[in-house]
Amino acid sequence: MNTGTPVEFAVEMVPSDHAEQKAYLRLYNLPVNELANTVPIIKLEFDTLPAPTPPPSENAETAEILRR
């Protein structure tokens, strides 16, 4: 955060998206009053990133376009 303090967070499912079964990053206890009239900046740091999954290809021509 632009104040240098760590941000409380959780990765959890939200009730409104129970059908998708996807987890979302939720940030808690942000000091919004102290950051009035500023743009809050939050830096995310990861130990590792998951490997990207290629999109499904329908045929060879589509696969070639996606490769470019």
PDB file of N, CA and C in Angstrom:
ATOM      1  N   MET A   1       0.849  -1.171   0.000  1.00  0.00           N
ATOM      2  CA  MET A   1       0.000   0.000   0.000  1.00  0.00           C
ATOM      3  C   MET A   1       0.889   1.227   0.000  1.00  0.00           C
ATOM      4  N   ASN A   2       0.411   2.335  -0.533  1.00  0.00           N
ATOM      5  CA  ASN A   2       1.244   3.524  -0.621  1.00  0.00           C
ATOM      6  C   ASN A   2       1.635   4.087   0.740  1.00  0.00           C
ATOM      7  N   THR A   3       1.082   3.564   1.823  1.00  0.00           N
ATOM      8  CA  THR A   3       1.505   3.971   3.165  1.00  0.00           C
ATOM      9  C   THR A   3       2.608   3.060   3.687  1.00  0.00           C
ATOM     10  N   GLY A   4       2.897   1.962   3.007  1.00  0.00           N
ATOM     11  CA  GLY A   4       3.922   1.035   3.447  1.00  0.00           C
ATOM     12  C   GLY A   4       3.432  -0.025   4.416  1.00  0.00           C
ATOM     13  N   THR A   5       2.174   0.031   4.790  1.00  0.00           N
ATOM     14  CA  THR A   5       1.642  -0.958   5.734  1.00  0.00           C
ATOM     15  C   THR A   5       1.086  -2.168   4.982  1.00  0.00           C
ATOM     16  N   PRO A   6       1.235  -3.354   5.556  1.00  0.00           N
ATOM     17  CA  PRO A   6       0.655  -4.543   4.915  1.00  0.00           C
ATOM     18  C   PRO A   6      -0.872  -4.475   4.934  1.00  0.00           C
ATOM     19  N   VAL A   7      -1.483  -5.132   3.979  1.00  0.00           N
ATOM     20  CA  VAL A   7      -2.940  -5.149   3.854  1.00  0.00           C
ATOM     21  C   VAL A   7      -3.455  -6.540   4.223  1.00  0.00           C
ATOM     22  N   GLU A   8      -4.497  -6.578   5.032  1.00  0.00           N
ATOM     23  CA  GLU A   8      -5.129  -7.854   5.363  1.00  0.00           C
ATOM     24  C   GLU A   8      -5.892  -8.344   4.139  1.00  0.00           C
ATOM     25  N   PHE A   9      -5.812  -9.653   3.883  1.00  0.00           N
ATOM     26  CA  PHE A   9      -6.471 -10.188   2.700  1.00  0.00           C
ATOM     27  C   PHE A   9      -6.925 -11.617   2.955  1.00  0.00           C
ATOM     28  N   ALA A  10      -7.783 -12.092   2.059  1.00  0.00           N
ATOM     29  CA  ALA A  10      -8.233 -13.486   2.056  1.00  0.00           C
ATOM     30  C   ALA A  10      -8.609 -13.846   0.630  1.00  0.00           C
ATOM     31  N   VAL A  11      -8.421 -15.103   0.290  1.00  0.00           N
ATOM     32  CA  VAL A  11      -8.861 -15.620  -0.998  1.00  0.00           C
ATOM     33  C   VAL A  11     -10.011 -16.555  -0.696  1.00  0.00           C
ATOM     34  N   GLU A  12     -11.207 -16.146  -1.098  1.00  0.00           N
ATOM     35  CA  GLU A  12     -12.395 -16.926  -0.750  1.00  0.00           C
ATOM     36  C   GLU A  12     -13.482 -16.738  -1.795  1.00  0.00           C
ATOM     37  N   MET A  13     -14.458 -17.622  -1.741  1.00  0.00           N
ATOM     38  CA  MET A  13     -15.601 -17.505  -2.642  1.00  0.00           C
ATOM     39  C   MET A  13     -16.562 -16.462  -2.083  1.00  0.00           C
ATOM     40  N   VAL A  14     -17.171 -15.704  -2.975  1.00  0.00           N
ATOM     41  CA  VAL A  14     -18.164 -14.722  -2.548  1.00  0.00           C
ATOM     42  C   VAL A  14     -19.554 -15.304  -2.790  1.00  0.00           C
ATOM     43  N   PRO A  15     -20.501 -15.005  -1.927  1.00  0.00           N
ATOM     44  CA  PRO A  15     -21.840 -15.593  -2.068  1.00  0.00           C
ATOM     45  C   PRO A  15     -22.515 -15.307  -3.401  1.00  0.00           C
ATOM     46  N   SER A  16     -22.255 -14.154  -3.985  1.00  0.00           N
ATOM     47  CA  SER A  16     -22.935 -13.819  -5.239  1.00  0.00           C
ATOM     48  C   SER A  16     -22.459 -14.665  -6.412  1.00  0.00           C
ATOM     49  N   ASP A  17     -21.284 -15.287  -6.311  1.00  0.00           N
ATOM     50  CA  ASP A  17     -20.757 -16.108  -7.391  1.00  0.00           C
ATOM     51  C   ASP A  17     -20.654 -17.571  -7.007  1.00  0.00           C
ATOM     52  N   HIS A  18     -21.599 -18.062  -6.232  1.00  0.00           N
ATOM     53  CA  HIS A  18     -21.541 -19.454  -5.780  1.00  0.00           C
ATOM     54  C   HIS A  18     -21.675 -20.440  -6.939  1.00  0.00           C
ATOM     55  N   ALA A  19     -22.308 -20.034  -8.033  1.00  0.00           N
ATOM     56  CA  ALA A  19     -22.489 -20.943  -9.166  1.00  0.00           C
ATOM     57  C   ALA A  19     -21.174 -21.206  -9.898  1.00  0.00           C
ATOM     58  N   GLU A  20     -20.292 -20.193  -9.961  1.00  0.00           N
ATOM     59  CA  GLU A  20     -19.019 -20.343 -10.668  1.00  0.00           C
ATOM     60  C   GLU A  20     -17.989 -21.111  -9.864  1.00  0.00           C
ATOM     61  N   GLN A  21     -18.083 -21.094  -8.558  1.00  0.00           N
ATOM     62  CA  GLN A  21     -17.119 -21.755  -7.681  1.00  0.00           C
ATOM     63  C   GLN A  21     -15.701 -21.227  -7.896  1.00  0.00           C
ATOM     64  N   LYS A  22     -15.556 -19.900  -8.014  1.00  0.00           N
ATOM     65  CA  LYS A  22     -14.255 -19.281  -8.166  1.00  0.00           C
ATOM     66  C   LYS A  22     -13.933 -18.483  -6.916  1.00  0.00           C
ATOM     67  N   ALA A  23     -12.685 -18.508  -6.527  1.00  0.00           N
ATOM     68  CA  ALA A  23     -12.250 -17.725  -5.368  1.00  0.00           C
ATOM     69  C   ALA A  23     -11.759 -16.354  -5.839  1.00  0.00           C
ATOM     70  N   TYR A  24     -11.971 -15.345  -5.024  1.00  0.00           N
ATOM     71  CA  TYR A  24     -11.570 -13.979  -5.337  1.00  0.00           C
ATOM     72  C   TYR A  24     -10.712 -13.428  -4.219  1.00  0.00           C
ATOM     73  N   LEU A  25      -9.828 -12.511  -4.567  1.00  0.00           N
ATOM     74  CA  LEU A  25      -9.002 -11.840  -3.581  1.00  0.00           C
ATOM     75  C   LEU A  25      -9.825 -10.732  -2.939  1.00  0.00           C
ATOM     76  N   ARG A  26      -9.897 -10.772  -1.623  1.00  0.00           N
ATOM     77  CA  ARG A  26     -10.644  -9.740  -0.893  1.00  0.00           C
ATOM     78  C   ARG A  26      -9.693  -9.027   0.051  1.00  0.00           C
ATOM     79  N   LEU A  27      -9.732  -7.691   0.036  1.00  0.00           N
ATOM     80  CA  LEU A  27      -8.877  -6.868   0.890  1.00  0.00           C
ATOM     81  C   LEU A  27      -9.707  -6.313   2.033  1.00  0.00           C
ATOM     82  N   TYR A  28      -9.143  -6.365   3.241  1.00  0.00           N
ATOM     83  CA  TYR A  28      -9.887  -5.958   4.436  1.00  0.00           C
ATOM     84  C   TYR A  28      -9.183  -4.823   5.169  1.00  0.00           C
ATOM     85  N   ASN A  29      -9.982  -4.058   5.870  1.00  0.00           N
ATOM     86  CA  ASN A  29      -9.503  -3.005   6.779  1.00  0.00           C
ATOM     87  C   ASN A  29      -8.569  -2.008   6.103  1.00  0.00           C
ATOM     88  N   LEU A  30      -8.934  -1.591   4.904  1.00  0.00           N
ATOM     89  CA  LEU A  30      -8.159  -0.561   4.224  1.00  0.00           C
ATOM     90  C   LEU A  30      -8.396   0.775   4.919  1.00  0.00           C
ATOM     91  N   PRO A  31      -7.351   1.569   5.115  1.00  0.00           N
ATOM     92  CA  PRO A  31      -7.516   2.852   5.820  1.00  0.00           C
ATOM     93  C   PRO A  31      -8.084   3.933   4.896  1.00  0.00           C
ATOM     94  N   VAL A  32      -9.334   3.778   4.521  1.00  0.00           N
ATOM     95  CA  VAL A  32      -9.927   4.694   3.530  1.00  0.00           C
ATOM     96  C   VAL A  32     -10.041   6.123   4.054  1.00  0.00           C
ATOM     97  N   ASN A  33     -10.270   6.308   5.339  1.00  0.00           N
ATOM     98  CA  ASN A  33     -10.371   7.676   5.874  1.00  0.00           C
ATOM     99  C   ASN A  33      -9.027   8.397   5.816  1.00  0.00           C
ATOM    100  N   GLU A  34      -7.949   7.676   6.122  1.00  0.00           N
ATOM    101  CA  GLU A  34      -6.619   8.283   6.086  1.00  0.00           C
ATOM    102  C   GLU A  34      -6.166   8.573   4.658  1.00  0.00           C
ATOM    103  N   LEU A  35      -6.718   7.859   3.695  1.00  0.00           N
ATOM    104  CA  LEU A  35      -6.317   8.032   2.304  1.00  0.00           C
ATOM    105  C   LEU A  35      -7.315   8.861   1.502  1.00  0.00           C
ATOM    106  N   ALA A  36      -8.118   9.648   2.188  1.00  0.00           N
ATOM    107  CA  ALA A  36      -9.089  10.497   1.487  1.00  0.00           C
ATOM    108  C   ALA A  36      -8.347  11.466   0.567  1.00  0.00           C
ATOM    109  N   ASN A  37      -8.904  11.702  -0.599  1.00  0.00           N
ATOM    110  CA  ASN A  37      -8.337  12.595  -1.615  1.00  0.00           C
ATOM    111  C   ASN A  37      -7.015  12.094  -2.185  1.00  0.00           C
ATOM    112  N   THR A  38      -6.747  10.803  -2.072  1.00  0.00           N
ATOM    113  CA  THR A  38      -5.575  10.198  -2.708  1.00  0.00           C
ATOM    114  C   THR A  38      -6.022   8.941  -3.438  1.00  0.00           C
ATOM    115  N   VAL A  39      -5.167   8.448  -4.280  1.00  0.00           N
ATOM    116  CA  VAL A  39      -5.451   7.200  -4.979  1.00  0.00           C
ATOM    117  C   VAL A  39      -4.740   6.084  -4.223  1.00  0.00           C
ATOM    118  N   PRO A  40      -5.490   5.140  -3.652  1.00  0.00           N
ATOM    119  CA  PRO A  40      -4.811   4.043  -2.947  1.00  0.00           C
ATOM    120  C   PRO A  40      -4.116   3.122  -3.947  1.00  0.00           C
ATOM    121  N   ILE A  41      -2.874   2.804  -3.650  1.00  0.00           N
ATOM    122  CA  ILE A  41      -2.089   1.905  -4.492  1.00  0.00           C
ATOM    123  C   ILE A  41      -1.728   0.691  -3.655  1.00  0.00           C
ATOM    124  N   ILE A  42      -2.035  -0.481  -4.175  1.00  0.00           N
ATOM    125  CA  ILE A  42      -1.759  -1.719  -3.460  1.00  0.00           C
ATOM    126  C   ILE A  42      -0.860  -2.574  -4.338  1.00  0.00           C
ATOM    127  N   LYS A  43       0.301  -2.931  -3.822  1.00  0.00           N
ATOM    128  CA  LYS A  43       1.268  -3.739  -4.565  1.00  0.00           C
ATOM    129  C   LYS A  43       1.059  -5.200  -4.191  1.00  0.00           C
ATOM    130  N   LEU A  44       0.866  -6.043  -5.202  1.00  0.00           N
ATOM    131  CA  LEU A  44       0.710  -7.472  -4.980  1.00  0.00           C
ATOM    132  C   LEU A  44       2.033  -8.162  -5.264  1.00  0.00           C
ATOM    133  N   GLU A  45       2.485  -8.989  -4.330  1.00  0.00           N
ATOM    134  CA  GLU A  45       3.708  -9.761  -4.514  1.00  0.00           C
ATOM    135  C   GLU A  45       3.368 -11.235  -4.398  1.00  0.00           C
ATOM    136  N   PHE A  46       3.877 -12.038  -5.336  1.00  0.00           N
ATOM    137  CA  PHE A  46       3.610 -13.461  -5.367  1.00  0.00           C
ATOM    138  C   PHE A  46       4.919 -14.229  -5.290  1.00  0.00           C
ATOM    139  N   ASP A  47       4.924 -15.339  -4.558  1.00  0.00           N
ATOM    140  CA  ASP A  47       6.094 -16.213  -4.534  1.00  0.00           C
ATOM    141  C   ASP A  47       6.247 -16.910  -5.879  1.00  0.00           C
ATOM    142  N   THR A  48       5.156 -17.439  -6.394  1.00  0.00           N
ATOM    143  CA  THR A  48       5.153 -18.089  -7.701  1.00  0.00           C
ATOM    144  C   THR A  48       3.835 -17.766  -8.386  1.00  0.00           C
ATOM    145  N   LEU A  49       3.853 -17.857  -9.695  1.00  0.00           N
ATOM    146  CA  LEU A  49       2.636 -17.650 -10.473  1.00  0.00           C
ATOM    147  C   LEU A  49       2.259 -18.963 -11.141  1.00  0.00           C
ATOM    148  N   PRO A  50       0.973 -19.256 -11.257  1.00  0.00           N
ATOM    149  CA  PRO A  50       0.583 -20.478 -11.956  1.00  0.00           C
ATOM    150  C   PRO A  50       0.906 -20.368 -13.443  1.00  0.00           C
ATOM    151  N   ALA A  51       1.186 -21.512 -14.051  1.00  0.00           N
ATOM    152  CA  ALA A  51       1.465 -21.526 -15.489  1.00  0.00           C
ATOM    153  C   ALA A  51       0.195 -21.158 -16.247  1.00  0.00           C
ATOM    154  N   PRO A  52       0.310 -20.329 -17.287  1.00  0.00           N
ATOM    155  CA  PRO A  52      -0.891 -19.974 -18.055  1.00  0.00           C
ATOM    156  C   PRO A  52      -1.441 -21.187 -18.791  1.00  0.00           C
ATOM    157  N   THR A  53      -2.742 -21.256 -18.858  1.00  0.00           N
ATOM    158  CA  THR A  53      -3.378 -22.351 -19.586  1.00  0.00           C
ATOM    159  C   THR A  53      -3.745 -21.861 -20.976  1.00  0.00           C
ATOM    160  N   PRO A  54      -3.376 -22.610 -22.001  1.00  0.00           N
ATOM    161  CA  PRO A  54      -3.703 -22.162 -23.365  1.00  0.00           C
ATOM    162  C   PRO A  54      -5.205 -22.260 -23.611  1.00  0.00           C
ATOM    163  N   PRO A  55      -5.740 -21.344 -24.408  1.00  0.00           N
ATOM    164  CA  PRO A  55      -7.172 -21.413 -24.723  1.00  0.00           C
ATOM    165  C   PRO A  55      -7.452 -22.629 -25.595  1.00  0.00           C
ATOM    166  N   PRO A  56      -8.641 -23.173 -25.492  1.00  0.00           N
ATOM    167  CA  PRO A  56      -8.961 -24.327 -26.332  1.00  0.00           C
ATOM    168  C   PRO A  56      -9.016 -23.907 -27.798  1.00  0.00           C
ATOM    169  N   SER A  57      -8.433 -24.719 -28.669  1.00  0.00           N
ATOM    170  CA  SER A  57      -8.450 -24.381 -30.093  1.00  0.00           C
ATOM    171  C   SER A  57      -9.456 -25.280 -30.803  1.00  0.00           C
ATOM    172  N   GLU A  58     -10.194 -24.681 -31.698  1.00  0.00           N
ATOM    173  CA  GLU A  58     -11.234 -25.420 -32.424  1.00  0.00           C
ATOM    174  C   GLU A  58     -10.663 -26.143 -33.636  1.00  0.00           C
ATOM    175  N   ASN A  59      -9.678 -25.540 -34.288  1.00  0.00           N
ATOM    176  CA  ASN A  59      -9.063 -26.182 -35.445  1.00  0.00           C
ATOM    177  C   ASN A  59      -7.651 -25.627 -35.625  1.00  0.00           C
ATOM    178  N   ALA A  60      -6.932 -26.119 -36.620  1.00  0.00           N
ATOM    179  CA  ALA A  60      -5.540 -25.717 -36.838  1.00  0.00           C
ATOM    180  C   ALA A  60      -5.426 -24.233 -37.180  1.00  0.00           C
ATOM    181  N   GLU A  61      -6.376 -23.709 -37.947  1.00  0.00           N
ATOM    182  CA  GLU A  61      -6.325 -22.295 -38.331  1.00  0.00           C
ATOM    183  C   GLU A  61      -6.480 -21.394 -37.108  1.00  0.00           C
ATOM    184  N   THR A  62      -7.410 -21.731 -36.240  1.00  0.00           N
ATOM    185  CA  THR A  62      -7.604 -20.956 -35.014  1.00  0.00           C
ATOM    186  C   THR A  62      -6.366 -21.042 -34.143  1.00  0.00           C
ATOM    187  N   ALA A  63      -5.775 -22.224 -34.028  1.00  0.00           N
ATOM    188  CA  ALA A  63      -4.574 -22.398 -33.226  1.00  0.00           C
ATOM    189  C   ALA A  63      -3.431 -21.539 -33.758  1.00  0.00           C
ATOM    190  N   GLU A  64      -3.294 -21.449 -35.064  1.00  0.00           N
ATOM    191  CA  GLU A  64      -2.249 -20.640 -35.678  1.00  0.00           C
ATOM    192  C   GLU A  64      -2.466 -19.160 -35.365  1.00  0.00           C
ATOM    193  N   ILE A  65      -3.687 -18.694 -35.428  1.00  0.00           N
ATOM    194  CA  ILE A  65      -3.993 -17.299 -35.113  1.00  0.00           C
ATOM    195  C   ILE A  65      -3.666 -17.018 -33.653  1.00  0.00           C
ATOM    196  N   LEU A  66      -4.018 -17.899 -32.767  1.00  0.00           N
ATOM    197  CA  LEU A  66      -3.743 -17.692 -31.345  1.00  0.00           C
ATOM    198  C   LEU A  66      -2.253 -17.709 -31.042  1.00  0.00           C
ATOM    199  N   ARG A  67      -1.474 -18.447 -31.821  1.00  0.00           N
ATOM    200  CA  ARG A  67      -0.039 -18.520 -31.613  1.00  0.00           C
ATOM    201  C   ARG A  67       0.645 -17.204 -31.959  1.00  0.00           C
ATOM    202  N   ARG A  68       0.085 -16.438 -32.892  1.00  0.00           N
ATOM    203  CA  ARG A  68       0.696 -15.175 -33.299  1.00  0.00           C
ATOM    204  C   ARG A  68       0.454 -14.189 -32.250  1.00  0.00           C
TER     205      ARG A  68
END
